[in-house]
Amino acid sequence: MKIRHIEKEAKAQGIPHRSISCWGRFVEVALKVIEREQVDLIIVTRSKRSNLSRFIFGSPVAELKERADCKIMIIDE
């Protein structure tokens, strides 16, 4: 429902966009979509976690930012 709302708002404001939903390991799937779709910008959300948690378990968003060949906008939760 939220994605449809955002798509509706983007369309109303004349913002070109395309939403894609996929299953799998986040970074690997995102990199495949970036390459296949020739993406210019990805907007991702990042869950609020402690620095210790990010250090121990890593951060998929940080990994994507390092590996992606396009601009990434991160929205913190």
Protein backbone atom coordinates (compact mmCIF):
# COMPACT_ATOMS: atom_id res chain seq x y z
CA MET A 1 0.00 0.00 0.00
CA LYS A 2 2.83 2.41 0.85
CA ILE A 3 4.56 1.78 -2.47
CA ARG A 4 1.34 2.47 -4.37
CA HIS A 5 0.90 5.71 -2.44
CA ILE A 6 4.46 6.82 -3.29
CA GLU A 7 3.96 5.87 -6.95
CA LYS A 8 0.74 7.88 -7.07
CA GLU A 9 2.45 10.92 -5.55
CA ALA A 10 5.41 10.63 -7.95
CA LYS A 11 3.06 10.39 -10.94
CA ALA A 12 1.06 13.41 -9.73
CA GLN A 13 4.28 15.44 -9.51
CA GLY A 14 5.55 14.26 -12.89
CA ILE A 15 8.49 12.37 -11.39
CA PRO A 16 9.63 9.48 -13.59
CA HIS A 17 9.96 6.33 -11.52
CA ARG A 18 9.73 2.58 -11.50
CA SER A 19 9.21 0.30 -8.51
CA ILE A 20 10.68 -3.20 -8.50
CA SER A 21 10.15 -5.81 -5.79
CA CYS A 22 12.37 -8.89 -5.62
CA TRP A 23 13.26 -11.69 -3.21
CA GLY A 24 16.76 -12.83 -2.30
CA ARG A 25 19.94 -11.59 -0.65
CA PHE A 26 19.50 -7.83 -0.62
CA VAL A 27 22.88 -6.71 -1.95
CA GLU A 28 23.16 -9.32 -4.69
CA VAL A 29 19.60 -8.77 -5.93
CA ALA A 30 20.00 -4.98 -5.84
CA LEU A 31 23.24 -5.13 -7.84
CA LYS A 32 21.58 -7.33 -10.47
CA VAL A 33 18.64 -4.94 -10.77
CA ILE A 34 20.98 -1.93 -11.01
CA GLU A 35 22.85 -3.56 -13.88
CA ARG A 36 19.80 -4.94 -15.69
CA GLU A 37 17.71 -1.78 -15.43
CA GLN A 38 20.58 0.72 -15.78
CA VAL A 39 19.45 2.46 -12.61
CA ASP A 40 20.49 6.07 -11.92
CA LEU A 41 19.31 6.27 -8.31
CA ILE A 42 18.27 3.82 -5.61
CA ILE A 43 16.45 4.92 -2.48
CA VAL A 44 16.83 2.53 0.45
CA THR A 45 15.78 2.63 4.07
CA ARG A 46 18.11 1.68 6.89
CA SER A 47 16.84 0.30 10.19
CA LYS A 48 17.92 2.04 13.35
CA ARG A 49 20.59 -0.14 14.99
CA SER A 50 23.49 0.42 17.33
CA ASN A 51 26.99 0.89 15.97
CA LEU A 52 28.00 -2.30 17.79
CA SER A 53 25.28 -4.26 15.99
CA ARG A 54 26.40 -2.87 12.63
CA PHE A 55 30.02 -3.75 13.47
CA ILE A 56 29.21 -7.33 14.50
CA PHE A 57 26.59 -8.18 11.87
CA GLY A 58 27.57 -5.78 9.11
CA SER A 59 25.37 -3.43 7.14
CA PRO A 60 23.83 -4.50 3.82
CA VAL A 61 23.13 -0.86 2.97
CA ALA A 62 26.80 0.08 3.53
CA GLU A 63 27.87 -2.88 1.38
CA LEU A 64 25.50 -1.83 -1.39
CA LYS A 65 26.79 1.73 -1.22
CA GLU A 66 30.37 0.48 -1.65
CA ARG A 67 29.57 -1.85 -4.56
CA ALA A 68 26.87 -0.04 -6.55
CA ASP A 69 27.66 2.00 -9.66
CA CYS A 70 24.79 4.42 -9.15
CA LYS A 71 23.76 7.08 -6.68
CA ILE A 72 22.19 5.75 -3.47
CA MET A 73 19.95 7.78 -1.19
CA ILE A 74 19.70 6.33 2.32
CA ILE A 75 16.73 7.15 4.50
CA ASP A 76 17.29 6.30 8.15
CA GLU A 77 14.35 4.81 10.00
